[in-house]
């Protein structure tokens, strides 16, 4: 956000072209500043919701459509998701390995993932694992333990606890409900 005494239209356009999200001219009204900040935060939350859904593969029609500058964010989310999906069964997958796979530093990966999805890397990985487990429970006859191992949990009991906490239902009950619906 730019806050300046330069009020000429050329100055405003230059400031916005160079990446400013908002341009306020001094003297400004406190209400105007608060409104601009509120709108910027709301727009950020909408984008975060969009990328969070996209990161988990739940893209739904949204009134917020990313602009062409956001194509890099789309590429990042797609690369992160596909990279993690390829290594989902690896129960030893940790932040260091993910950083190496993504070719990013730990801080950069953390900041970018958190900014775009609202989740840090490990909770995002866990959400992907649970989403994959949900699909396996619905569409295969694998045992709960086999599903746990297939999505990278080394302990089936821990998997059941995490699944129950997240979904509000045990994995076996989830499977029974999903099969009853079919």
N, C-alpha and C. Protein backbone atom coordinates (compact mmCIF):
# COMPACT_ATOMS: atom_id res chain seq x y z
N UNK A 1 0.85 -1.15 0.00
CA UNK A 1 0.00 0.00 0.00
C UNK A 1 0.91 1.23 0.00
N UNK A 2 0.59 2.16 -0.86
CA UNK A 2 1.38 3.38 -0.95
C UNK A 2 0.63 4.51 -0.27
N UNK A 3 1.33 5.23 0.60
CA UNK A 3 0.78 6.38 1.31
C UNK A 3 1.71 7.54 1.02
N UNK A 4 1.23 8.50 0.24
CA UNK A 4 2.12 9.55 -0.25
C UNK A 4 1.38 10.87 -0.43
N UNK A 5 2.16 11.94 -0.58
CA UNK A 5 1.59 13.25 -0.85
C UNK A 5 1.50 13.51 -2.34
N UNK A 6 2.07 12.62 -3.13
CA UNK A 6 2.05 12.80 -4.59
C UNK A 6 0.68 12.38 -5.11
N UNK A 7 -0.10 13.36 -5.56
CA UNK A 7 -1.48 13.11 -5.92
C UNK A 7 -1.74 13.10 -7.42
N UNK A 8 -0.75 13.38 -8.23
CA UNK A 8 -0.97 13.43 -9.68
C UNK A 8 -1.35 12.05 -10.19
N UNK A 9 -2.17 12.02 -11.21
CA UNK A 9 -2.65 10.76 -11.77
C UNK A 9 -1.49 9.91 -12.27
N UNK A 10 -0.45 10.55 -12.85
CA UNK A 10 0.72 9.80 -13.32
C UNK A 10 1.42 9.09 -12.16
N UNK A 11 1.51 9.78 -11.02
CA UNK A 11 2.13 9.17 -9.84
C UNK A 11 1.31 7.98 -9.35
N UNK A 12 0.01 8.14 -9.34
CA UNK A 12 -0.87 7.05 -8.91
C UNK A 12 -0.71 5.83 -9.83
N UNK A 13 -0.76 6.09 -11.13
CA UNK A 13 -0.63 4.99 -12.09
C UNK A 13 0.72 4.30 -11.97
N UNK A 14 1.77 5.08 -11.82
CA UNK A 14 3.11 4.50 -11.67
C UNK A 14 3.19 3.63 -10.42
N UNK A 15 2.65 4.13 -9.33
CA UNK A 15 2.67 3.37 -8.07
C UNK A 15 1.91 2.06 -8.19
N UNK A 16 0.77 2.09 -8.83
CA UNK A 16 -0.03 0.88 -9.00
C UNK A 16 0.61 -0.08 -10.00
N UNK A 17 1.23 0.47 -11.06
CA UNK A 17 1.89 -0.38 -12.04
C UNK A 17 3.10 -1.09 -11.45
N UNK A 18 3.72 -0.48 -10.47
CA UNK A 18 4.90 -1.08 -9.84
C UNK A 18 4.55 -2.05 -8.72
N UNK A 19 3.27 -2.39 -8.61
CA UNK A 19 2.88 -3.44 -7.69
C UNK A 19 2.13 -3.00 -6.46
N UNK A 20 1.84 -1.73 -6.34
CA UNK A 20 1.08 -1.28 -5.18
C UNK A 20 -0.35 -1.81 -5.24
N UNK A 21 -0.86 -2.27 -4.12
CA UNK A 21 -2.24 -2.75 -4.06
C UNK A 21 -3.22 -1.61 -3.86
N UNK A 22 -2.75 -0.55 -3.25
CA UNK A 22 -3.61 0.61 -2.99
C UNK A 22 -2.74 1.85 -2.97
N UNK A 23 -3.34 3.00 -3.26
CA UNK A 23 -2.62 4.26 -3.31
C UNK A 23 -3.45 5.29 -2.57
N UNK A 24 -2.97 5.70 -1.42
CA UNK A 24 -3.67 6.71 -0.63
C UNK A 24 -2.85 7.99 -0.64
N UNK A 25 -3.54 9.10 -0.82
CA UNK A 25 -2.90 10.40 -0.88
C UNK A 25 -3.10 11.12 0.44
N UNK A 26 -2.01 11.73 0.95
CA UNK A 26 -2.09 12.52 2.17
C UNK A 26 -2.76 13.83 1.85
N UNK A 27 -3.52 14.40 2.68
CA UNK A 27 -4.03 13.83 3.93
C UNK A 27 -5.14 12.81 3.61
N UNK A 28 -5.17 11.77 4.37
CA UNK A 28 -6.16 10.73 4.14
C UNK A 28 -7.07 10.65 5.36
N UNK A 29 -8.23 10.08 5.12
CA UNK A 29 -9.18 9.87 6.21
C UNK A 29 -8.88 8.51 6.85
N UNK A 30 -8.97 8.46 8.15
CA UNK A 30 -8.74 7.21 8.87
C UNK A 30 -9.70 6.12 8.38
N UNK A 31 -10.95 6.50 8.13
CA UNK A 31 -11.95 5.54 7.65
C UNK A 31 -11.54 4.97 6.29
N UNK A 32 -10.98 5.82 5.43
CA UNK A 32 -10.55 5.36 4.12
C UNK A 32 -9.42 4.33 4.26
N UNK A 33 -8.45 4.62 5.12
CA UNK A 33 -7.35 3.70 5.35
C UNK A 33 -7.87 2.36 5.88
N UNK A 34 -8.74 2.40 6.86
CA UNK A 34 -9.28 1.17 7.43
C UNK A 34 -10.08 0.38 6.40
N UNK A 35 -10.83 1.08 5.56
CA UNK A 35 -11.62 0.41 4.52
C UNK A 35 -10.71 -0.26 3.49
N UNK A 36 -9.67 0.45 3.07
CA UNK A 36 -8.73 -0.12 2.10
C UNK A 36 -8.04 -1.35 2.70
N UNK A 37 -7.59 -1.24 3.94
CA UNK A 37 -6.95 -2.38 4.60
C UNK A 37 -7.92 -3.56 4.73
N UNK A 38 -9.14 -3.28 5.09
CA UNK A 38 -10.15 -4.33 5.22
C UNK A 38 -10.37 -5.03 3.88
N UNK A 39 -10.47 -4.26 2.81
CA UNK A 39 -10.67 -4.84 1.48
C UNK A 39 -9.47 -5.68 1.04
N UNK A 40 -8.27 -5.22 1.34
CA UNK A 40 -7.07 -5.98 0.99
C UNK A 40 -7.02 -7.30 1.75
N UNK A 41 -7.36 -7.26 3.03
CA UNK A 41 -7.37 -8.49 3.83
C UNK A 41 -8.44 -9.46 3.35
N UNK A 42 -9.60 -8.93 2.99
CA UNK A 42 -10.68 -9.77 2.47
C UNK A 42 -10.27 -10.43 1.15
N UNK A 43 -9.64 -9.67 0.28
CA UNK A 43 -9.17 -10.22 -0.99
C UNK A 43 -8.12 -11.30 -0.74
N UNK A 44 -7.23 -11.08 0.23
CA UNK A 44 -6.21 -12.07 0.56
C UNK A 44 -6.86 -13.35 1.08
N UNK A 45 -7.88 -13.22 1.93
CA UNK A 45 -8.56 -14.40 2.46
C UNK A 45 -9.26 -15.17 1.35
N UNK A 46 -9.86 -14.47 0.40
CA UNK A 46 -10.51 -15.14 -0.73
C UNK A 46 -9.50 -15.93 -1.56
N UNK A 47 -8.37 -15.29 -1.84
CA UNK A 47 -7.33 -15.99 -2.60
C UNK A 47 -6.79 -17.18 -1.82
N UNK A 48 -6.62 -17.02 -0.53
CA UNK A 48 -6.14 -18.12 0.29
C UNK A 48 -7.12 -19.28 0.28
N UNK A 49 -8.42 -18.97 0.36
CA UNK A 49 -9.44 -20.02 0.30
C UNK A 49 -9.39 -20.72 -1.06
N UNK A 50 -9.26 -19.93 -2.13
CA UNK A 50 -9.18 -20.48 -3.48
C UNK A 50 -7.99 -21.43 -3.60
N UNK A 51 -6.80 -20.98 -3.18
CA UNK A 51 -5.60 -21.81 -3.31
C UNK A 51 -5.63 -22.99 -2.36
N UNK A 52 -6.23 -22.82 -1.21
CA UNK A 52 -6.37 -23.94 -0.29
C UNK A 52 -7.22 -25.04 -0.92
N UNK A 53 -8.32 -24.65 -1.54
CA UNK A 53 -9.17 -25.63 -2.23
C UNK A 53 -8.43 -26.25 -3.41
N UNK A 54 -7.73 -25.41 -4.14
CA UNK A 54 -6.98 -25.89 -5.30
C UNK A 54 -5.88 -26.86 -4.87
N UNK A 55 -5.22 -26.54 -3.77
CA UNK A 55 -4.13 -27.39 -3.27
C UNK A 55 -4.62 -28.77 -2.87
N UNK A 56 -5.87 -28.85 -2.45
CA UNK A 56 -6.44 -30.14 -2.06
C UNK A 56 -7.28 -30.75 -3.18
N UNK A 57 -7.28 -30.10 -4.35
CA UNK A 57 -8.00 -30.65 -5.49
C UNK A 57 -9.50 -30.43 -5.45
N UNK A 58 -9.95 -29.50 -4.62
CA UNK A 58 -11.38 -29.23 -4.48
C UNK A 58 -11.75 -27.91 -5.14
N UNK A 59 -11.35 -27.74 -6.38
CA UNK A 59 -11.61 -26.47 -7.07
C UNK A 59 -13.09 -26.36 -7.37
N UNK A 60 -13.66 -25.30 -6.85
CA UNK A 60 -15.07 -25.03 -7.07
C UNK A 60 -15.19 -23.67 -7.73
N UNK A 61 -16.29 -23.44 -8.46
CA UNK A 61 -16.46 -22.12 -9.06
C UNK A 61 -16.39 -21.06 -7.98
N UNK A 62 -15.63 -20.02 -8.26
CA UNK A 62 -15.42 -18.99 -7.26
C UNK A 62 -15.58 -17.63 -7.89
N UNK A 63 -16.12 -16.66 -7.16
CA UNK A 63 -16.21 -15.31 -7.71
C UNK A 63 -14.83 -14.68 -7.87
N UNK A 64 -13.84 -15.22 -7.19
CA UNK A 64 -12.48 -14.71 -7.28
C UNK A 64 -11.74 -15.54 -8.31
N UNK A 65 -11.41 -14.94 -9.42
CA UNK A 65 -10.62 -15.62 -10.43
C UNK A 65 -9.23 -15.01 -10.41
N UNK A 66 -8.20 -15.84 -10.30
CA UNK A 66 -6.86 -15.29 -10.23
C UNK A 66 -6.47 -14.61 -11.54
N UNK A 67 -5.69 -13.56 -11.45
CA UNK A 67 -5.22 -12.84 -12.62
C UNK A 67 -3.99 -13.55 -13.17
N UNK A 68 -3.48 -13.07 -14.32
CA UNK A 68 -2.37 -13.79 -14.94
C UNK A 68 -1.13 -13.82 -14.06
N UNK A 69 -0.95 -12.84 -13.19
CA UNK A 69 0.19 -12.85 -12.28
C UNK A 69 0.11 -14.04 -11.32
N UNK A 70 -1.09 -14.51 -11.08
CA UNK A 70 -1.27 -15.63 -10.17
C UNK A 70 -0.97 -16.97 -10.82
N UNK A 71 -0.62 -16.97 -12.10
CA UNK A 71 -0.28 -18.22 -12.78
C UNK A 71 0.92 -18.89 -12.11
N UNK A 72 1.83 -18.08 -11.58
CA UNK A 72 2.98 -18.65 -10.87
C UNK A 72 2.54 -19.36 -9.60
N UNK A 73 1.57 -18.79 -8.92
CA UNK A 73 1.04 -19.43 -7.72
C UNK A 73 0.34 -20.74 -8.08
N UNK A 74 -0.40 -20.72 -9.18
CA UNK A 74 -1.05 -21.95 -9.65
C UNK A 74 -0.01 -23.02 -9.95
N UNK A 75 1.07 -22.64 -10.63
CA UNK A 75 2.13 -23.59 -10.95
C UNK A 75 2.76 -24.14 -9.67
N UNK A 76 2.99 -23.26 -8.70
CA UNK A 76 3.58 -23.71 -7.44
C UNK A 76 2.67 -24.72 -6.75
N UNK A 77 1.39 -24.38 -6.65
CA UNK A 77 0.43 -25.28 -5.98
C UNK A 77 0.36 -26.61 -6.71
N UNK A 78 0.30 -26.59 -8.03
CA UNK A 78 0.25 -27.83 -8.81
C UNK A 78 1.51 -28.67 -8.61
N UNK A 79 2.66 -28.01 -8.61
CA UNK A 79 3.93 -28.74 -8.43
C UNK A 79 4.00 -29.33 -7.02
N UNK A 80 3.61 -28.55 -6.01
CA UNK A 80 3.65 -29.04 -4.64
C UNK A 80 2.73 -30.23 -4.47
N UNK A 81 1.52 -30.10 -4.97
CA UNK A 81 0.55 -31.20 -4.84
C UNK A 81 1.04 -32.46 -5.55
N UNK A 82 1.49 -32.33 -6.79
CA UNK A 82 1.92 -33.52 -7.53
C UNK A 82 3.17 -34.13 -6.90
N UNK A 83 4.07 -33.30 -6.41
CA UNK A 83 5.28 -33.81 -5.74
C UNK A 83 4.90 -34.60 -4.49
N UNK A 84 4.03 -34.05 -3.69
CA UNK A 84 3.63 -34.73 -2.47
C UNK A 84 2.84 -36.00 -2.77
N UNK A 85 1.99 -35.96 -3.79
CA UNK A 85 1.21 -37.15 -4.13
C UNK A 85 2.10 -38.30 -4.59
N UNK A 86 3.20 -37.98 -5.26
CA UNK A 86 4.13 -39.02 -5.71
C UNK A 86 4.82 -39.71 -4.54
N UNK A 87 4.95 -39.00 -3.43
CA UNK A 87 5.68 -39.53 -2.27
C UNK A 87 4.77 -39.74 -1.07
N UNK A 88 3.47 -39.81 -1.30
CA UNK A 88 2.50 -39.90 -0.21
C UNK A 88 2.69 -41.13 0.67
N UNK A 89 3.08 -42.24 0.09
CA UNK A 89 3.23 -43.48 0.85
C UNK A 89 4.49 -43.50 1.70
N UNK A 90 5.39 -42.56 1.49
CA UNK A 90 6.64 -42.49 2.24
C UNK A 90 6.37 -41.95 3.64
N UNK A 91 6.38 -42.84 4.64
CA UNK A 91 6.08 -42.40 6.00
C UNK A 91 7.20 -41.56 6.62
N UNK A 92 8.36 -41.55 5.98
CA UNK A 92 9.47 -40.74 6.47
C UNK A 92 9.58 -39.39 5.79
N UNK A 93 8.61 -39.06 4.95
CA UNK A 93 8.64 -37.78 4.24
C UNK A 93 8.55 -36.64 5.25
N UNK A 94 9.57 -35.79 5.24
CA UNK A 94 9.57 -34.67 6.17
C UNK A 94 9.83 -33.37 5.41
N UNK A 95 9.87 -32.29 6.15
CA UNK A 95 10.02 -30.97 5.53
C UNK A 95 11.31 -30.87 4.73
N UNK A 96 12.39 -31.42 5.25
CA UNK A 96 13.68 -31.34 4.54
C UNK A 96 13.60 -32.02 3.18
N UNK A 97 13.00 -33.21 3.13
CA UNK A 97 12.87 -33.92 1.86
C UNK A 97 11.96 -33.16 0.90
N UNK A 98 10.89 -32.60 1.43
CA UNK A 98 9.97 -31.83 0.58
C UNK A 98 10.69 -30.62 0.00
N UNK A 99 11.50 -29.94 0.82
CA UNK A 99 12.28 -28.80 0.34
C UNK A 99 13.21 -29.21 -0.80
N UNK A 100 13.87 -30.36 -0.64
CA UNK A 100 14.76 -30.84 -1.69
C UNK A 100 13.98 -31.17 -2.96
N UNK A 101 12.85 -31.83 -2.80
CA UNK A 101 12.03 -32.18 -3.96
C UNK A 101 11.51 -30.94 -4.69
N UNK A 102 11.20 -29.90 -3.93
CA UNK A 102 10.66 -28.67 -4.52
C UNK A 102 11.76 -27.72 -4.97
N UNK A 103 12.99 -27.97 -4.51
CA UNK A 103 14.09 -27.07 -4.87
C UNK A 103 13.96 -25.71 -4.21
N UNK A 104 13.52 -25.71 -2.96
CA UNK A 104 13.30 -24.45 -2.24
C UNK A 104 13.90 -24.55 -0.84
N UNK A 105 14.17 -23.40 -0.27
CA UNK A 105 14.62 -23.39 1.12
C UNK A 105 13.43 -23.65 2.03
N UNK A 106 13.71 -24.05 3.24
CA UNK A 106 12.66 -24.34 4.22
C UNK A 106 11.78 -23.11 4.47
N UNK A 107 12.43 -21.95 4.66
CA UNK A 107 11.67 -20.73 4.94
C UNK A 107 10.80 -20.31 3.76
N UNK A 108 11.35 -20.40 2.56
CA UNK A 108 10.58 -20.02 1.36
C UNK A 108 9.37 -20.93 1.17
N UNK A 109 9.61 -22.23 1.33
CA UNK A 109 8.51 -23.18 1.17
C UNK A 109 7.44 -22.95 2.23
N UNK A 110 7.86 -22.76 3.47
CA UNK A 110 6.91 -22.51 4.55
C UNK A 110 6.08 -21.26 4.28
N UNK A 111 6.77 -20.15 3.98
CA UNK A 111 6.06 -18.88 3.78
C UNK A 111 5.10 -18.95 2.60
N UNK A 112 5.55 -19.52 1.50
CA UNK A 112 4.71 -19.56 0.31
C UNK A 112 3.51 -20.48 0.51
N UNK A 113 3.73 -21.64 1.10
CA UNK A 113 2.63 -22.57 1.34
C UNK A 113 1.62 -21.98 2.32
N UNK A 114 2.11 -21.37 3.38
CA UNK A 114 1.22 -20.76 4.37
C UNK A 114 0.44 -19.59 3.77
N UNK A 115 1.11 -18.76 2.98
CA UNK A 115 0.45 -17.61 2.38
C UNK A 115 -0.65 -18.03 1.40
N UNK A 116 -0.39 -19.08 0.64
CA UNK A 116 -1.35 -19.49 -0.39
C UNK A 116 -2.47 -20.38 0.14
N UNK A 117 -2.16 -21.27 1.07
CA UNK A 117 -3.16 -22.25 1.50
C UNK A 117 -3.69 -22.03 2.91
N UNK A 118 -2.98 -21.22 3.69
CA UNK A 118 -3.37 -21.05 5.09
C UNK A 118 -2.87 -22.19 5.97
N UNK A 119 -2.12 -23.11 5.38
CA UNK A 119 -1.56 -24.25 6.11
C UNK A 119 -0.06 -24.27 5.90
N UNK A 120 0.67 -24.72 6.90
CA UNK A 120 2.09 -24.95 6.68
C UNK A 120 2.24 -26.30 5.99
N UNK A 121 3.46 -26.67 5.67
CA UNK A 121 3.71 -27.83 4.82
C UNK A 121 3.22 -29.14 5.42
N UNK A 122 3.53 -29.40 6.67
CA UNK A 122 3.18 -30.69 7.27
C UNK A 122 1.66 -30.84 7.44
N UNK A 123 0.93 -29.83 7.93
CA UNK A 123 -0.54 -29.98 7.95
C UNK A 123 -1.14 -30.16 6.55
N UNK A 124 -0.53 -29.52 5.55
CA UNK A 124 -1.00 -29.70 4.18
C UNK A 124 -0.77 -31.14 3.72
N UNK A 125 0.42 -31.68 4.02
CA UNK A 125 0.72 -33.07 3.69
C UNK A 125 -0.27 -34.00 4.38
N UNK A 126 -0.56 -33.73 5.63
CA UNK A 126 -1.52 -34.56 6.37
C UNK A 126 -2.92 -34.48 5.75
N UNK A 127 -3.32 -33.29 5.33
CA UNK A 127 -4.63 -33.14 4.69
C UNK A 127 -4.69 -33.93 3.39
N UNK A 128 -3.60 -33.90 2.61
CA UNK A 128 -3.54 -34.70 1.37
C UNK A 128 -3.63 -36.19 1.68
N UNK A 129 -2.91 -36.61 2.71
CA UNK A 129 -2.93 -38.02 3.09
C UNK A 129 -4.33 -38.46 3.50
N UNK A 130 -5.00 -37.64 4.27
CA UNK A 130 -6.35 -37.99 4.71
C UNK A 130 -7.33 -37.98 3.54
N UNK A 131 -7.14 -37.07 2.62
CA UNK A 131 -7.99 -37.03 1.44
C UNK A 131 -7.81 -38.31 0.60
N UNK A 132 -6.57 -38.72 0.42
CA UNK A 132 -6.28 -39.95 -0.33
C UNK A 132 -6.84 -41.17 0.41
N UNK A 133 -6.70 -41.17 1.74
CA UNK A 133 -7.23 -42.27 2.55
C UNK A 133 -8.75 -42.36 2.39
N UNK A 134 -9.39 -41.21 2.38
CA UNK A 134 -10.84 -41.17 2.19
C UNK A 134 -11.21 -41.83 0.86
N UNK A 135 -10.49 -41.50 -0.19
CA UNK A 135 -10.76 -42.08 -1.51
C UNK A 135 -10.51 -43.59 -1.50
N UNK A 136 -9.44 -44.02 -0.86
CA UNK A 136 -9.15 -45.45 -0.80
C UNK A 136 -10.21 -46.20 0.01
N UNK A 137 -10.66 -45.62 1.10
CA UNK A 137 -11.69 -46.27 1.90
C UNK A 137 -13.01 -46.39 1.13
N UNK A 138 -13.31 -45.40 0.31
CA UNK A 138 -14.55 -45.42 -0.47
C UNK A 138 -14.48 -46.40 -1.64
N UNK A 139 -13.32 -46.44 -2.29
CA UNK A 139 -13.25 -47.11 -3.60
C UNK A 139 -12.48 -48.41 -3.64
N UNK A 140 -11.92 -48.84 -2.52
CA UNK A 140 -11.18 -50.11 -2.53
C UNK A 140 -11.66 -50.98 -1.37
N UNK A 141 -11.21 -52.20 -1.39
CA UNK A 141 -11.53 -53.10 -0.29
C UNK A 141 -10.32 -53.29 0.63
N UNK A 142 -9.36 -52.39 0.55
CA UNK A 142 -8.18 -52.46 1.41
C UNK A 142 -8.59 -52.35 2.87
N UNK A 143 -7.85 -53.02 3.73
CA UNK A 143 -8.12 -52.89 5.17
C UNK A 143 -7.72 -51.50 5.62
N UNK A 144 -8.22 -51.10 6.78
CA UNK A 144 -7.88 -49.79 7.32
C UNK A 144 -6.37 -49.68 7.53
N UNK A 145 -5.76 -50.74 8.00
CA UNK A 145 -4.30 -50.74 8.21
C UNK A 145 -3.57 -50.56 6.88
N UNK A 146 -4.02 -51.26 5.83
CA UNK A 146 -3.38 -51.13 4.53
C UNK A 146 -3.54 -49.71 3.97
N UNK A 147 -4.70 -49.12 4.19
CA UNK A 147 -4.92 -47.74 3.76
C UNK A 147 -3.96 -46.82 4.51
N UNK A 148 -3.82 -47.04 5.81
CA UNK A 148 -2.90 -46.22 6.61
C UNK A 148 -1.49 -46.28 6.04
N UNK A 149 -1.03 -47.48 5.75
CA UNK A 149 0.32 -47.62 5.20
C UNK A 149 0.41 -47.00 3.81
N UNK A 150 -0.62 -47.15 3.01
CA UNK A 150 -0.61 -46.64 1.64
C UNK A 150 -0.53 -45.13 1.57
N UNK A 151 -1.01 -44.45 2.61
CA UNK A 151 -0.97 -42.98 2.60
C UNK A 151 0.11 -42.41 3.52
N UNK A 152 1.02 -43.27 3.97
CA UNK A 152 2.19 -42.77 4.67
C UNK A 152 2.11 -42.71 6.18
N UNK A 153 1.15 -43.37 6.78
CA UNK A 153 1.10 -43.46 8.25
C UNK A 153 1.76 -44.77 8.63
N UNK A 154 2.73 -44.72 9.53
CA UNK A 154 3.42 -45.95 9.92
C UNK A 154 2.69 -46.70 11.02
N UNK A 155 1.70 -46.06 11.64
CA UNK A 155 0.96 -46.69 12.73
C UNK A 155 -0.54 -46.60 12.43
N UNK A 156 -1.20 -47.72 12.15
CA UNK A 156 -2.63 -47.70 11.83
C UNK A 156 -3.50 -47.12 12.95
N UNK A 157 -3.10 -47.32 14.20
CA UNK A 157 -3.87 -46.74 15.32
C UNK A 157 -3.82 -45.22 15.28
N UNK A 158 -2.63 -44.70 15.04
CA UNK A 158 -2.48 -43.24 14.94
C UNK A 158 -3.29 -42.73 13.75
N UNK A 159 -3.24 -43.43 12.64
CA UNK A 159 -4.04 -43.05 11.48
C UNK A 159 -5.53 -43.00 11.83
N UNK A 160 -6.02 -44.01 12.52
CA UNK A 160 -7.44 -44.04 12.90
C UNK A 160 -7.80 -42.86 13.79
N UNK A 161 -6.91 -42.55 14.73
CA UNK A 161 -7.17 -41.42 15.62
C UNK A 161 -7.21 -40.10 14.86
N UNK A 162 -6.21 -39.89 13.98
CA UNK A 162 -6.15 -38.66 13.20
C UNK A 162 -7.35 -38.56 12.27
N UNK A 163 -7.69 -39.64 11.61
CA UNK A 163 -8.84 -39.67 10.71
C UNK A 163 -10.12 -39.33 11.47
N UNK A 164 -10.30 -39.95 12.63
CA UNK A 164 -11.50 -39.70 13.44
C UNK A 164 -11.57 -38.26 13.90
N UNK A 165 -10.44 -37.69 14.31
CA UNK A 165 -10.42 -36.30 14.75
C UNK A 165 -10.77 -35.35 13.61
N UNK A 166 -10.23 -35.64 12.45
CA UNK A 166 -10.43 -34.76 11.30
C UNK A 166 -11.82 -34.90 10.68
N UNK A 167 -12.28 -36.12 10.51
CA UNK A 167 -13.54 -36.38 9.81
C UNK A 167 -14.73 -36.56 10.74
N UNK A 168 -14.47 -36.77 12.02
CA UNK A 168 -15.57 -36.96 12.97
C UNK A 168 -16.17 -38.35 12.94
N UNK A 169 -15.49 -39.27 12.28
CA UNK A 169 -15.98 -40.63 12.15
C UNK A 169 -14.76 -41.54 11.98
N UNK A 170 -14.84 -42.76 12.51
CA UNK A 170 -13.71 -43.68 12.38
C UNK A 170 -13.58 -44.13 10.92
N UNK A 171 -12.39 -44.57 10.52
CA UNK A 171 -12.21 -45.02 9.13
C UNK A 171 -13.14 -46.17 8.76
N UNK A 172 -13.32 -47.13 9.65
CA UNK A 172 -14.19 -48.27 9.31
C UNK A 172 -15.65 -47.83 9.21
N UNK A 173 -16.09 -46.94 10.08
CA UNK A 173 -17.46 -46.41 9.99
C UNK A 173 -17.63 -45.58 8.72
N UNK A 174 -16.58 -44.84 8.37
CA UNK A 174 -16.63 -44.05 7.14
C UNK A 174 -16.80 -44.97 5.94
N UNK A 175 -16.04 -46.06 5.91
CA UNK A 175 -16.15 -47.03 4.82
C UNK A 175 -17.56 -47.63 4.76
N UNK A 176 -18.09 -48.00 5.92
CA UNK A 176 -19.43 -48.60 5.95
C UNK A 176 -20.48 -47.62 5.44
N UNK A 177 -20.35 -46.36 5.83
CA UNK A 177 -21.29 -45.33 5.37
C UNK A 177 -21.15 -45.11 3.87
N UNK A 178 -19.93 -45.04 3.39
CA UNK A 178 -19.68 -44.83 1.96
C UNK A 178 -20.22 -45.99 1.13
N UNK A 179 -20.07 -47.22 1.62
CA UNK A 179 -20.57 -48.38 0.88
C UNK A 179 -22.07 -48.46 0.93
N UNK A 180 -22.68 -48.01 1.99
CA UNK A 180 -24.14 -48.02 2.10
C UNK A 180 -24.77 -47.03 1.12
N UNK A 181 -24.05 -45.94 0.86
CA UNK A 181 -24.56 -44.92 -0.07
C UNK A 181 -24.51 -45.41 -1.51
N UNK A 182 -23.50 -46.24 -1.82
CA UNK A 182 -23.36 -46.73 -3.20
C UNK A 182 -24.44 -47.64 -3.53
